[in-house]
Amino acid sequence: MRTTRAGTISPNDRKVHVTQTVSTIFQFRAIDWGMENCELHVAIPPVDRPTTLALYRLNTTAPLDISTLSFNVRPPRVAKLNNIVPGQDSLDWHRKLSCAMDDVLVFELACSEDEPSGSCDIEWWQAREETAPG
């Protein structure tokens, strides 16, 4: 990570990893003035066997400190946006959300509670410059 005048910049490539005991949290800041609508895209590469993931909105308006973030101190979930089921084809899930300039939007991708124990295990690398993960 590095700090710039615009804020903290994360590495260009990020590992997304979800199991029964590991979730992935991601955050964004809305920076365009007058754009009260944001759109969240979750692109997932093909997987060998379908797994049901749950996407949650977390209750925070401030950026998370990733150096101290853990399951025990993560913000509480305020809304389940949807279940997402990746399969043999690539998946591009998206949803429009209201947002204001400088809003911090924080989400958690986790295994669905409906997923049998031990059957949820998915990971991929998301490159900043690529729209399709791999």
Protein backbone atom coordinates (compact mmCIF):
# COMPACT_ATOMS: atom_id res chain seq x y z
CA MET A 1 0.00 0.00 0.00
CA ARG A 2 1.09 3.56 -0.54
CA THR A 3 -0.30 6.92 0.50
CA THR A 4 -0.97 9.70 -2.01
CA ARG A 5 -2.75 13.06 -1.88
CA ALA A 6 -5.92 11.26 -3.00
CA GLY A 7 -5.68 8.68 -0.20
CA THR A 8 -4.34 5.19 0.33
CA ILE A 9 -3.82 3.15 -2.82
CA SER A 10 -4.06 -0.63 -2.54
CA PRO A 11 -1.98 -3.00 -4.65
CA ASN A 12 -3.23 -3.41 -8.20
CA ASP A 13 -3.89 -7.14 -7.88
CA ARG A 14 -5.99 -8.52 -5.03
CA LYS A 15 -6.62 -12.08 -3.91
CA VAL A 16 -10.28 -12.87 -3.25
CA HIS A 17 -10.67 -15.83 -0.91
CA VAL A 18 -13.84 -17.23 0.67
CA THR A 19 -14.27 -20.36 2.80
CA GLN A 20 -16.47 -21.31 5.76
CA THR A 21 -13.98 -19.48 8.02
CA VAL A 22 -12.58 -16.79 5.67
CA SER A 23 -14.47 -13.95 4.01
CA THR A 24 -13.29 -11.09 1.81
CA ILE A 25 -14.08 -7.47 2.67
CA PHE A 26 -13.76 -4.73 0.09
CA GLN A 27 -14.34 -1.01 0.28
CA PHE A 28 -14.73 1.91 -2.10
CA ARG A 29 -15.00 5.66 -1.81
CA ALA A 30 -17.42 7.46 -4.14
CA ILE A 31 -15.38 10.36 -5.51
CA ASP A 32 -17.47 11.79 -8.37
CA TRP A 33 -19.48 14.87 -7.46
CA GLY A 34 -23.13 14.75 -8.48
CA MET A 35 -23.13 11.01 -9.11
CA GLU A 36 -25.65 9.84 -6.54
CA ASN A 37 -25.75 6.36 -8.04
CA CYS A 38 -22.96 3.82 -7.75
CA GLU A 39 -22.87 0.39 -9.34
CA LEU A 40 -21.17 -2.57 -7.71
CA HIS A 41 -19.89 -5.30 -10.02
CA VAL A 42 -18.69 -8.67 -8.74
CA ALA A 43 -16.99 -10.66 -11.49
CA ILE A 44 -16.17 -14.28 -10.68
CA PRO A 45 -14.28 -16.71 -12.94
CA PRO A 46 -15.65 -20.19 -13.70
CA VAL A 47 -15.46 -22.69 -10.82
CA ASP A 48 -15.40 -26.50 -10.80
CA ARG A 49 -18.45 -26.89 -8.59
CA PRO A 50 -21.17 -24.37 -7.75
CA THR A 51 -20.82 -22.60 -4.41
CA THR A 52 -23.36 -20.23 -2.89
CA LEU A 53 -21.78 -16.98 -1.73
CA ALA A 54 -23.54 -14.20 0.19
CA LEU A 55 -22.83 -10.52 -0.43
CA TYR A 56 -23.39 -8.18 2.53
CA ARG A 57 -23.25 -4.42 3.04
CA LEU A 58 -21.34 -3.55 6.22
CA ASN A 59 -22.25 -0.78 8.64
CA THR A 60 -19.50 1.81 8.43
CA THR A 61 -19.01 5.25 6.94
CA ALA A 62 -15.26 5.42 7.56
CA PRO A 63 -12.49 3.58 5.70
CA LEU A 64 -11.38 0.38 7.43
CA ASP A 65 -7.81 0.04 8.65
CA ILE A 66 -6.79 -3.16 6.90
CA SER A 67 -3.73 -3.55 9.12
CA THR A 68 -5.99 -4.20 12.14
CA LEU A 69 -9.03 -5.69 10.41
CA SER A 70 -10.16 -9.13 11.60
CA PHE A 71 -13.40 -11.07 11.87
CA ASN A 72 -13.83 -9.94 15.48
CA VAL A 73 -13.52 -6.21 14.72
CA ARG A 74 -15.16 -5.99 11.30
CA PRO A 75 -18.24 -3.75 11.09
CA PRO A 76 -21.59 -5.50 11.54
CA ARG A 77 -23.58 -6.63 8.53
CA VAL A 78 -26.56 -4.34 7.86
CA ALA A 79 -28.02 -5.88 4.73
CA LYS A 80 -27.69 -8.99 2.64
CA LEU A 81 -27.63 -7.79 -0.95
CA ASN A 82 -27.94 -11.20 -2.57
CA ASN A 83 -26.76 -14.77 -2.86
CA ILE A 84 -24.32 -15.22 -5.74
CA VAL A 85 -23.80 -18.68 -7.25
CA PRO A 86 -20.69 -18.98 -9.43
CA GLY A 87 -20.65 -21.98 -11.75
CA GLN A 88 -19.01 -23.33 -14.90
CA ASP A 89 -19.38 -19.99 -16.70
CA SER A 90 -17.94 -16.63 -15.67
CA LEU A 91 -20.32 -14.56 -13.59
CA ASP A 92 -20.77 -10.78 -13.62
CA TRP A 93 -23.21 -9.82 -10.88
CA HIS A 94 -24.09 -6.15 -10.45
CA ARG A 95 -26.37 -3.90 -8.44
CA LYS A 96 -27.00 -0.15 -8.40
CA LEU A 97 -26.71 1.59 -5.03
CA SER A 98 -27.32 5.13 -3.90
CA CYS A 99 -24.20 6.99 -2.83
CA ALA A 100 -23.01 10.54 -2.28
CA MET A 101 -19.62 12.12 -2.88
CA ASP A 102 -17.06 10.85 -0.35
CA ASP A 103 -19.31 7.99 0.82
CA VAL A 104 -17.35 4.92 1.88
CA LEU A 105 -19.07 1.73 0.74
CA VAL A 106 -17.96 -1.49 2.46
CA PHE A 107 -19.01 -5.01 1.51
CA GLU A 108 -18.30 -8.57 2.63
CA LEU A 109 -18.29 -11.64 0.39
CA ALA A 110 -18.83 -14.77 2.49
CA CYS A 111 -20.14 -18.31 2.23
CA SER A 112 -23.90 -18.50 2.43
CA GLU A 113 -25.36 -19.91 5.63
CA ASP A 114 -27.18 -22.41 3.38
CA GLU A 115 -23.91 -23.85 2.09
CA PRO A 116 -23.06 -27.26 3.69
CA SER A 117 -20.08 -27.17 6.03
CA GLY A 118 -16.77 -27.67 4.23
CA SER A 119 -18.24 -27.29 0.74
CA CYS A 120 -17.47 -23.59 0.29
CA ASP A 121 -13.95 -22.84 -0.91
CA ILE A 122 -13.27 -20.37 -3.70
CA GLU A 123 -10.41 -18.04 -4.55
CA TRP A 124 -9.13 -16.01 -7.47
CA TRP A 125 -6.93 -13.02 -8.23
CA GLN A 126 -8.57 -9.79 -9.31
CA ALA A 127 -6.31 -7.58 -11.41
CA ARG A 128 -7.07 -3.88 -11.25
CA GLU A 129 -6.76 -3.31 -14.99
CA GLU A 130 -8.75 -6.37 -16.07
CA THR A 131 -12.52 -6.63 -16.03
CA ALA A 132 -12.46 -10.43 -16.11
CA PRO A 133 -10.90 -12.10 -13.05
CA GLY A 134 -8.61 -15.08 -13.29
